[in-house]
Amino acid sequence: MTFRVSSGLATLALLAITTGAAAADGPTVSQAWARATAPGVDVGAVYLTIDGGKTNDSLVSASSARAAMVHLHTVEESGGVAKMRAVDGIEVQAGKRVVLAPKGTHIMLMGLAKPLVAGETFPLELRFARAGELGVAVVVRAAGADAPPPAPR
């Protein structure tokens, strides 16, 4: 019986190592940030940089305890009018960089229970089609903040 337990533990350890290796080859995320929101406003947006891993992947969803709903959104301009719409995923090509930024593709937070306050951080879970879940810390910047400078590659 001791052999079975040891064998089971070895299998779990191998699975953890394999999962970690797969995630290490997947996309990486940096510079996750959001703008502070005013009292009474229950929506916000998260912006970040995704660097593709060794294989193509796609960001398929996100979640956060800070919001009742989290959607992937894009902004399209047509005839001088910008329209925001939900998307099913954000493609991340191997070795390429995808920047989610104001006035473009972003992660929409809806149903905020309390405002986002400059200086705080909150967790955001990202789900990739191949790489699985990746947790990031989102830094809240001042309401009028511009995007941070690009991260080095």
N, C-alpha and C. Protein backbone atom coordinates (compact mmCIF):
# COMPACT_ATOMS: atom_id res chain seq x y z
N MET A 1 0.83 -1.19 0.00
CA MET A 1 0.00 0.00 0.00
C MET A 1 0.87 1.24 0.00
N THR A 2 1.98 1.20 0.70
CA THR A 2 2.89 2.33 0.69
C THR A 2 3.38 2.61 -0.72
N PHE A 3 3.61 1.56 -1.50
CA PHE A 3 4.05 1.72 -2.88
C PHE A 3 3.03 2.48 -3.71
N ARG A 4 1.76 2.17 -3.54
CA ARG A 4 0.72 2.87 -4.30
C ARG A 4 0.66 4.35 -3.95
N VAL A 5 0.77 4.66 -2.67
CA VAL A 5 0.75 6.05 -2.26
C VAL A 5 1.96 6.78 -2.85
N SER A 6 3.15 6.17 -2.75
CA SER A 6 4.34 6.79 -3.31
C SER A 6 4.21 6.95 -4.81
N SER A 7 3.68 5.92 -5.47
CA SER A 7 3.49 5.99 -6.91
C SER A 7 2.52 7.11 -7.27
N GLY A 8 1.44 7.24 -6.48
CA GLY A 8 0.46 8.30 -6.72
C GLY A 8 1.07 9.67 -6.52
N LEU A 9 1.89 9.81 -5.48
CA LEU A 9 2.56 11.08 -5.23
C LEU A 9 3.55 11.40 -6.35
N ALA A 10 4.25 10.39 -6.82
CA ALA A 10 5.19 10.60 -7.92
C ALA A 10 4.44 11.05 -9.18
N THR A 11 3.29 10.45 -9.43
CA THR A 11 2.48 10.83 -10.59
C THR A 11 2.01 12.28 -10.46
N LEU A 12 1.55 12.66 -9.26
CA LEU A 12 1.11 14.04 -9.05
C LEU A 12 2.27 15.02 -9.23
N ALA A 13 3.44 14.65 -8.72
CA ALA A 13 4.61 15.51 -8.86
C ALA A 13 4.99 15.66 -10.32
N LEU A 14 4.96 14.55 -11.07
CA LEU A 14 5.27 14.59 -12.49
C LEU A 14 4.26 15.46 -13.24
N LEU A 15 2.98 15.34 -12.88
CA LEU A 15 1.94 16.15 -13.51
C LEU A 15 2.18 17.63 -13.23
N ALA A 16 2.54 17.96 -12.00
CA ALA A 16 2.80 19.35 -11.63
C ALA A 16 4.00 19.89 -12.40
N ILE A 17 5.05 19.07 -12.54
CA ILE A 17 6.23 19.50 -13.28
C ILE A 17 5.88 19.69 -14.75
N THR A 18 5.13 18.75 -15.34
CA THR A 18 4.74 18.84 -16.74
C THR A 18 3.87 20.06 -16.98
N THR A 19 2.88 20.30 -16.10
CA THR A 19 2.01 21.46 -16.24
C THR A 19 2.81 22.74 -16.14
N GLY A 20 3.74 22.80 -15.21
CA GLY A 20 4.58 23.98 -15.05
C GLY A 20 5.44 24.21 -16.29
N ALA A 21 5.97 23.14 -16.87
CA ALA A 21 6.78 23.27 -18.08
C ALA A 21 5.94 23.77 -19.23
N ALA A 22 4.72 23.26 -19.36
CA ALA A 22 3.84 23.70 -20.44
C ALA A 22 3.52 25.18 -20.27
N ALA A 23 3.24 25.60 -19.04
CA ALA A 23 2.91 26.99 -18.78
C ALA A 23 4.13 27.88 -19.04
N ALA A 24 5.32 27.38 -18.75
CA ALA A 24 6.53 28.16 -18.97
C ALA A 24 6.75 28.43 -20.46
N ASP A 25 6.27 27.55 -21.33
CA ASP A 25 6.40 27.73 -22.77
C ASP A 25 5.27 28.58 -23.35
N GLY A 26 4.28 28.91 -22.52
CA GLY A 26 3.11 29.64 -22.98
C GLY A 26 3.32 31.14 -22.92
N PRO A 27 2.25 31.88 -23.15
CA PRO A 27 2.34 33.34 -23.13
C PRO A 27 2.73 33.88 -21.76
N THR A 28 3.35 35.04 -21.76
CA THR A 28 3.64 35.74 -20.51
C THR A 28 2.93 37.09 -20.55
N VAL A 29 2.59 37.58 -19.37
CA VAL A 29 1.84 38.82 -19.26
C VAL A 29 2.62 39.80 -18.40
N SER A 30 2.65 41.06 -18.84
CA SER A 30 3.32 42.10 -18.05
C SER A 30 2.50 43.38 -18.12
N GLN A 31 2.85 44.31 -17.28
CA GLN A 31 2.27 45.66 -17.25
C GLN A 31 0.74 45.66 -17.19
N ALA A 32 0.16 44.82 -16.34
CA ALA A 32 -1.29 44.83 -16.16
C ALA A 32 -1.68 46.04 -15.32
N TRP A 33 -2.58 46.87 -15.86
CA TRP A 33 -2.98 48.09 -15.15
C TRP A 33 -4.41 48.46 -15.49
N ALA A 34 -4.98 49.29 -14.64
CA ALA A 34 -6.33 49.82 -14.83
C ALA A 34 -6.31 51.27 -14.36
N ARG A 35 -7.26 52.04 -14.86
CA ARG A 35 -7.41 53.41 -14.38
C ARG A 35 -8.36 53.42 -13.19
N ALA A 36 -8.11 54.33 -12.25
CA ALA A 36 -9.01 54.50 -11.11
C ALA A 36 -10.39 54.90 -11.63
N THR A 37 -11.43 54.49 -10.91
CA THR A 37 -12.79 54.84 -11.29
C THR A 37 -13.40 55.77 -10.25
N ALA A 38 -14.36 56.55 -10.68
CA ALA A 38 -15.04 57.49 -9.79
C ALA A 38 -16.06 56.76 -8.92
N PRO A 39 -16.39 57.29 -7.74
CA PRO A 39 -17.43 56.69 -6.92
C PRO A 39 -18.74 56.58 -7.72
N GLY A 40 -19.42 55.45 -7.57
CA GLY A 40 -20.68 55.23 -8.26
C GLY A 40 -20.53 54.63 -9.65
N VAL A 41 -19.33 54.62 -10.19
CA VAL A 41 -19.09 54.01 -11.51
C VAL A 41 -18.78 52.53 -11.27
N ASP A 42 -19.54 51.66 -11.94
CA ASP A 42 -19.35 50.23 -11.68
C ASP A 42 -18.70 49.49 -12.85
N VAL A 43 -18.04 50.22 -13.76
CA VAL A 43 -17.30 49.59 -14.86
C VAL A 43 -15.88 50.14 -14.90
N GLY A 44 -14.98 49.32 -15.37
CA GLY A 44 -13.59 49.71 -15.54
C GLY A 44 -12.96 48.84 -16.62
N ALA A 45 -11.70 49.07 -16.89
CA ALA A 45 -11.01 48.30 -17.91
C ALA A 45 -9.60 47.97 -17.45
N VAL A 46 -9.12 46.83 -17.91
CA VAL A 46 -7.75 46.40 -17.62
C VAL A 46 -7.00 46.37 -18.95
N TYR A 47 -5.77 46.84 -18.90
CA TYR A 47 -4.89 46.86 -20.06
C TYR A 47 -3.62 46.10 -19.67
N LEU A 48 -3.00 45.44 -20.63
CA LEU A 48 -1.81 44.67 -20.33
C LEU A 48 -1.08 44.30 -21.61
N THR A 49 0.09 43.71 -21.45
CA THR A 49 0.90 43.26 -22.57
C THR A 49 1.04 41.75 -22.48
N ILE A 50 0.80 41.06 -23.61
CA ILE A 50 0.96 39.61 -23.68
C ILE A 50 2.05 39.31 -24.69
N ASP A 51 3.06 38.57 -24.27
CA ASP A 51 4.10 38.11 -25.18
C ASP A 51 3.85 36.63 -25.45
N GLY A 52 3.70 36.29 -26.74
CA GLY A 52 3.41 34.91 -27.12
C GLY A 52 4.54 33.97 -26.74
N GLY A 53 4.15 32.75 -26.43
CA GLY A 53 5.11 31.71 -26.07
C GLY A 53 5.63 31.00 -27.31
N LYS A 54 5.90 29.70 -27.16
CA LYS A 54 6.49 28.92 -28.25
C LYS A 54 5.46 28.48 -29.28
N THR A 55 4.18 28.49 -28.91
CA THR A 55 3.13 28.10 -29.86
C THR A 55 2.02 29.15 -29.85
N ASN A 56 1.25 29.19 -30.91
CA ASN A 56 0.10 30.11 -30.96
C ASN A 56 -0.87 29.76 -29.86
N ASP A 57 -1.55 30.75 -29.33
CA ASP A 57 -2.53 30.56 -28.27
C ASP A 57 -3.57 31.66 -28.41
N SER A 58 -4.54 31.66 -27.56
CA SER A 58 -5.49 32.77 -27.52
C SER A 58 -6.01 32.95 -26.11
N LEU A 59 -6.19 34.20 -25.75
CA LEU A 59 -6.81 34.55 -24.48
C LEU A 59 -8.30 34.38 -24.69
N VAL A 60 -8.94 33.48 -23.93
CA VAL A 60 -10.35 33.18 -24.17
C VAL A 60 -11.28 33.75 -23.12
N SER A 61 -10.78 34.06 -21.93
CA SER A 61 -11.62 34.67 -20.91
C SER A 61 -10.77 35.19 -19.77
N ALA A 62 -11.43 35.93 -18.88
CA ALA A 62 -10.77 36.46 -17.69
C ALA A 62 -11.81 36.56 -16.59
N SER A 63 -11.33 36.59 -15.35
CA SER A 63 -12.24 36.75 -14.22
C SER A 63 -11.50 37.47 -13.09
N SER A 64 -12.29 38.09 -12.22
CA SER A 64 -11.73 38.78 -11.07
C SER A 64 -12.79 38.87 -9.99
N ALA A 65 -12.37 38.71 -8.75
CA ALA A 65 -13.29 38.86 -7.63
C ALA A 65 -13.77 40.31 -7.51
N ARG A 66 -13.07 41.25 -8.15
CA ARG A 66 -13.44 42.66 -8.08
C ARG A 66 -14.66 43.01 -8.93
N ALA A 67 -15.03 42.13 -9.89
CA ALA A 67 -16.13 42.45 -10.80
C ALA A 67 -17.09 41.29 -10.94
N ALA A 68 -18.37 41.62 -11.09
CA ALA A 68 -19.39 40.58 -11.29
C ALA A 68 -19.20 39.89 -12.63
N MET A 69 -18.80 40.65 -13.65
CA MET A 69 -18.56 40.09 -14.99
C MET A 69 -17.28 40.68 -15.56
N VAL A 70 -16.58 39.85 -16.33
CA VAL A 70 -15.36 40.29 -17.00
C VAL A 70 -15.45 39.79 -18.44
N HIS A 71 -15.33 40.71 -19.40
CA HIS A 71 -15.40 40.36 -20.81
C HIS A 71 -14.18 40.88 -21.55
N LEU A 72 -13.85 40.22 -22.64
CA LEU A 72 -12.83 40.69 -23.55
C LEU A 72 -13.52 41.61 -24.55
N HIS A 73 -12.97 42.79 -24.77
CA HIS A 73 -13.60 43.77 -25.65
C HIS A 73 -12.60 44.33 -26.65
N THR A 74 -13.14 44.82 -27.74
CA THR A 74 -12.35 45.56 -28.71
C THR A 74 -13.11 46.82 -29.07
N VAL A 75 -12.40 47.80 -29.58
CA VAL A 75 -13.01 49.04 -30.03
C VAL A 75 -12.75 49.14 -31.53
N GLU A 76 -13.81 49.34 -32.28
CA GLU A 76 -13.69 49.50 -33.72
C GLU A 76 -14.26 50.86 -34.11
N GLU A 77 -13.56 51.52 -35.02
CA GLU A 77 -14.03 52.82 -35.47
C GLU A 77 -14.60 52.69 -36.87
N SER A 78 -15.78 53.26 -37.06
CA SER A 78 -16.43 53.23 -38.36
C SER A 78 -17.15 54.56 -38.56
N GLY A 79 -16.82 55.25 -39.63
CA GLY A 79 -17.45 56.53 -39.91
C GLY A 79 -17.23 57.56 -38.83
N GLY A 80 -16.07 57.51 -38.18
CA GLY A 80 -15.76 58.47 -37.13
C GLY A 80 -16.39 58.16 -35.78
N VAL A 81 -17.09 57.01 -35.69
CA VAL A 81 -17.74 56.62 -34.44
C VAL A 81 -17.06 55.36 -33.90
N ALA A 82 -16.59 55.42 -32.67
CA ALA A 82 -15.97 54.26 -32.02
C ALA A 82 -17.06 53.42 -31.36
N LYS A 83 -17.00 52.11 -31.62
CA LYS A 83 -17.96 51.19 -31.02
C LYS A 83 -17.20 50.08 -30.30
N MET A 84 -17.62 49.82 -29.07
CA MET A 84 -17.02 48.76 -28.29
C MET A 84 -17.88 47.51 -28.43
N ARG A 85 -17.21 46.34 -28.59
CA ARG A 85 -17.95 45.10 -28.66
C ARG A 85 -17.16 43.97 -28.01
N ALA A 86 -17.90 43.00 -27.48
CA ALA A 86 -17.28 41.84 -26.86
C ALA A 86 -16.71 40.94 -27.95
N VAL A 87 -15.60 40.26 -27.64
CA VAL A 87 -15.01 39.28 -28.55
C VAL A 87 -14.84 37.97 -27.81
N ASP A 88 -14.81 36.87 -28.57
CA ASP A 88 -14.69 35.54 -27.98
C ASP A 88 -13.26 35.20 -27.57
N GLY A 89 -12.30 35.88 -28.14
CA GLY A 89 -10.92 35.59 -27.82
C GLY A 89 -9.99 36.60 -28.44
N ILE A 90 -8.75 36.59 -27.95
CA ILE A 90 -7.71 37.48 -28.47
C ILE A 90 -6.55 36.58 -28.87
N GLU A 91 -6.27 36.55 -30.16
CA GLU A 91 -5.20 35.70 -30.69
C GLU A 91 -3.84 36.19 -30.23
N VAL A 92 -2.99 35.24 -29.84
CA VAL A 92 -1.62 35.54 -29.43
C VAL A 92 -0.71 34.61 -30.23
N GLN A 93 -0.06 35.16 -31.24
CA GLN A 93 0.81 34.35 -32.07
C GLN A 93 2.12 34.07 -31.36
N ALA A 94 2.70 32.91 -31.64
CA ALA A 94 3.97 32.52 -31.04
C ALA A 94 5.03 33.59 -31.26
N GLY A 95 5.68 34.00 -30.18
CA GLY A 95 6.76 34.96 -30.27
C GLY A 95 6.35 36.40 -30.56
N LYS A 96 5.08 36.68 -30.69
CA LYS A 96 4.61 38.03 -31.00
C LYS A 96 4.05 38.70 -29.76
N ARG A 97 3.97 40.02 -29.80
CA ARG A 97 3.45 40.80 -28.68
C ARG A 97 2.08 41.34 -29.02
N VAL A 98 1.16 41.25 -28.05
CA VAL A 98 -0.18 41.82 -28.17
C VAL A 98 -0.34 42.81 -27.01
N VAL A 99 -0.68 44.05 -27.34
CA VAL A 99 -0.84 45.08 -26.31
C VAL A 99 -2.32 45.44 -26.21
N LEU A 100 -2.89 45.25 -25.04
CA LEU A 100 -4.25 45.69 -24.74
C LEU A 100 -4.13 47.08 -24.17
N ALA A 101 -4.77 48.07 -24.82
CA ALA A 101 -4.54 49.47 -24.47
C ALA A 101 -5.82 50.28 -24.60
N PRO A 102 -5.84 51.46 -23.96
CA PRO A 102 -7.00 52.34 -24.09
C PRO A 102 -7.32 52.61 -25.57
N LYS A 103 -8.59 52.72 -25.87
CA LYS A 103 -9.11 52.97 -27.22
C LYS A 103 -8.89 51.79 -28.15
N GLY A 104 -8.59 50.62 -27.58
CA GLY A 104 -8.36 49.42 -28.38
C GLY A 104 -8.85 48.20 -27.63
N THR A 105 -8.25 47.08 -27.89
CA THR A 105 -8.61 45.84 -27.22
C THR A 105 -8.30 45.97 -25.73
N HIS A 106 -9.21 45.49 -24.89
CA HIS A 106 -9.04 45.60 -23.44
C HIS A 106 -9.89 44.54 -22.74
N ILE A 107 -9.74 44.45 -21.44
CA ILE A 107 -10.55 43.55 -20.61
C ILE A 107 -11.50 44.43 -19.82
N MET A 108 -12.79 44.23 -20.04
CA MET A 108 -13.83 45.06 -19.41
C MET A 108 -14.26 44.46 -18.09
N LEU A 109 -14.27 45.27 -17.04
CA LEU A 109 -14.75 44.88 -15.72
C LEU A 109 -16.13 45.50 -15.54
N MET A 110 -17.14 44.68 -15.28
CA MET A 110 -18.51 45.19 -15.10
C MET A 110 -19.06 44.71 -13.77
N GLY A 111 -19.80 45.59 -13.12
CA GLY A 111 -20.35 45.25 -11.81
C GLY A 111 -19.33 45.35 -10.70
N LEU A 112 -18.52 46.40 -10.75
CA LEU A 112 -17.56 46.63 -9.66
C LEU A 112 -18.32 46.92 -8.37
N ALA A 113 -18.01 46.23 -7.31
CA ALA A 113 -18.68 46.45 -6.03
C ALA A 113 -18.21 47.75 -5.37
N LYS A 114 -16.97 48.15 -5.67
CA LYS A 114 -16.42 49.40 -5.15
C LYS A 114 -15.46 49.96 -6.19
N PRO A 115 -15.21 51.26 -6.14
CA PRO A 115 -14.34 51.88 -7.14
C PRO A 115 -12.92 51.31 -7.11
N LEU A 116 -12.26 51.40 -8.26
CA LEU A 116 -10.83 51.09 -8.34
C LEU A 116 -10.09 52.34 -7.88
N VAL A 117 -9.19 52.18 -6.93
CA VAL A 117 -8.50 53.31 -6.31
C VAL A 117 -7.02 53.29 -6.70
N ALA A 118 -6.52 54.44 -7.16
CA ALA A 118 -5.11 54.55 -7.55
C ALA A 118 -4.20 54.06 -6.43
N GLY A 119 -3.22 53.26 -6.81
CA GLY A 119 -2.26 52.73 -5.84
C GLY A 119 -2.56 51.32 -5.37
N GLU A 120 -3.80 50.87 -5.53
CA GLU A 120 -4.12 49.52 -5.10
C GLU A 120 -3.80 48.52 -6.22
N THR A 121 -3.75 47.25 -5.86
CA THR A 121 -3.62 46.17 -6.83
C THR A 121 -4.73 45.17 -6.57
N PHE A 122 -5.11 44.44 -7.62
CA PHE A 122 -6.11 43.38 -7.46
C PHE A 122 -5.78 42.25 -8.41
N PRO A 123 -6.21 41.02 -8.07
CA PRO A 123 -5.89 39.87 -8.91
C PRO A 123 -6.85 39.74 -10.09
N LEU A 124 -6.30 39.24 -11.19
CA LEU A 124 -7.07 38.96 -12.40
C LEU A 124 -6.61 37.60 -12.91
N GLU A 125 -7.55 36.71 -13.17
CA GLU A 125 -7.23 35.40 -13.72
C GLU A 125 -7.48 35.43 -15.22
N LEU A 126 -6.47 35.07 -16.00
CA LEU A 126 -6.60 34.99 -17.44
C LEU A 126 -6.65 33.52 -17.83
N ARG A 127 -7.47 33.19 -18.82
CA ARG A 127 -7.56 31.81 -19.30
C ARG A 127 -7.18 31.76 -20.77
N PHE A 128 -6.12 31.02 -21.05
CA PHE A 128 -5.66 30.83 -22.42
C PHE A 128 -6.12 29.46 -22.91
N ALA A 129 -6.41 29.35 -24.20
CA ALA A 129 -6.91 28.11 -24.78
C ALA A 129 -5.92 26.96 -24.59
N ARG A 130 -4.64 27.21 -24.76
CA ARG A 130 -3.64 26.14 -24.65
C ARG A 130 -2.90 26.17 -23.31
N ALA A 131 -2.49 27.33 -22.88
CA ALA A 131 -1.65 27.45 -21.68
C ALA A 131 -2.44 27.35 -20.38
N GLY A 132 -3.76 27.48 -20.44
CA GLY A 132 -4.57 27.41 -19.23
C GLY A 132 -4.62 28.73 -18.48
N GLU A 133 -4.73 28.63 -17.15
CA GLU A 133 -4.91 29.83 -16.33
C GLU A 133 -3.59 30.47 -15.95
N LEU A 134 -3.65 31.80 -15.91
CA LEU A 134 -2.50 32.58 -15.50
C LEU A 134 -3.00 33.74 -14.66
N GLY A 135 -2.53 33.84 -13.43
CA GLY A 135 -2.93 34.93 -12.54
C GLY A 135 -1.98 36.10 -12.67
N VAL A 136 -2.55 37.30 -12.70
CA VAL A 136 -1.73 38.51 -12.76
C VAL A 136 -2.23 39.51 -11.72
N ALA A 137 -1.35 40.39 -11.29
CA ALA A 137 -1.72 41.47 -10.38
C ALA A 137 -1.90 42.73 -11.21
N VAL A 138 -3.05 43.36 -11.09
CA VAL A 138 -3.37 44.57 -11.82
C VAL A 138 -3.11 45.77 -10.91
N VAL A 139 -2.31 46.72 -11.38
CA VAL A 139 -2.00 47.93 -10.64
C VAL A 139 -2.98 49.02 -11.09
N VAL A 140 -3.62 49.67 -10.14
CA VAL A 140 -4.56 50.75 -10.47
C VAL A 140 -3.78 52.06 -10.47
N ARG A 141 -3.87 52.76 -11.61
CA ARG A 141 -3.19 54.04 -11.79
C ARG A 141 -4.21 55.17 -11.71
N ALA A 142 -3.77 56.39 -11.72
CA ALA A 142 -4.66 57.56 -11.65
C ALA A 142 -5.67 57.54 -12.79
N ALA A 143 -6.81 58.18 -12.58
CA ALA A 143 -7.90 58.15 -13.55
C ALA A 143 -7.48 58.60 -14.94
N GLY A 144 -6.63 59.59 -15.07
CA GLY A 144 -6.23 60.09 -16.39
C GLY A 144 -4.93 59.51 -16.90
N ALA A 145 -4.44 58.45 -16.28
CA ALA A 145 -3.12 57.90 -16.62
C ALA A 145 -3.05 57.40 -18.06
N ASP A 146 -1.89 57.61 -18.66
CA ASP A 146 -1.60 57.06 -19.97
C ASP A 146 -1.00 55.67 -19.79
N ALA A 147 -0.91 54.95 -20.88
CA ALA A 147 -0.31 53.62 -20.84
C ALA A 147 1.14 53.73 -20.41
N PRO A 148 1.65 52.74 -19.66
CA PRO A 148 3.06 52.76 -19.30
C PRO A 148 3.91 52.54 -20.55
N PRO A 149 5.19 52.91 -20.50
CA PRO A 149 6.05 52.67 -21.67
C PRO A 149 6.14 51.18 -21.96
N PRO A 150 6.40 50.81 -23.22
CA PRO A 150 6.46 49.39 -23.57
C PRO A 150 7.50 48.65 -22.74
N ALA A 151 7.16 47.41 -22.38
CA ALA A 151 8.09 46.57 -21.64
C ALA A 151 9.21 46.12 -22.58
N PRO A 152 10.43 45.98 -22.06
CA PRO A 152 11.52 45.47 -22.91
C PRO A 152 11.23 44.03 -23.29
N ARG A 153 11.75 43.61 -24.41
CA ARG A 153 11.57 42.21 -24.86
C ARG A 153 12.76 41.40 -24.47
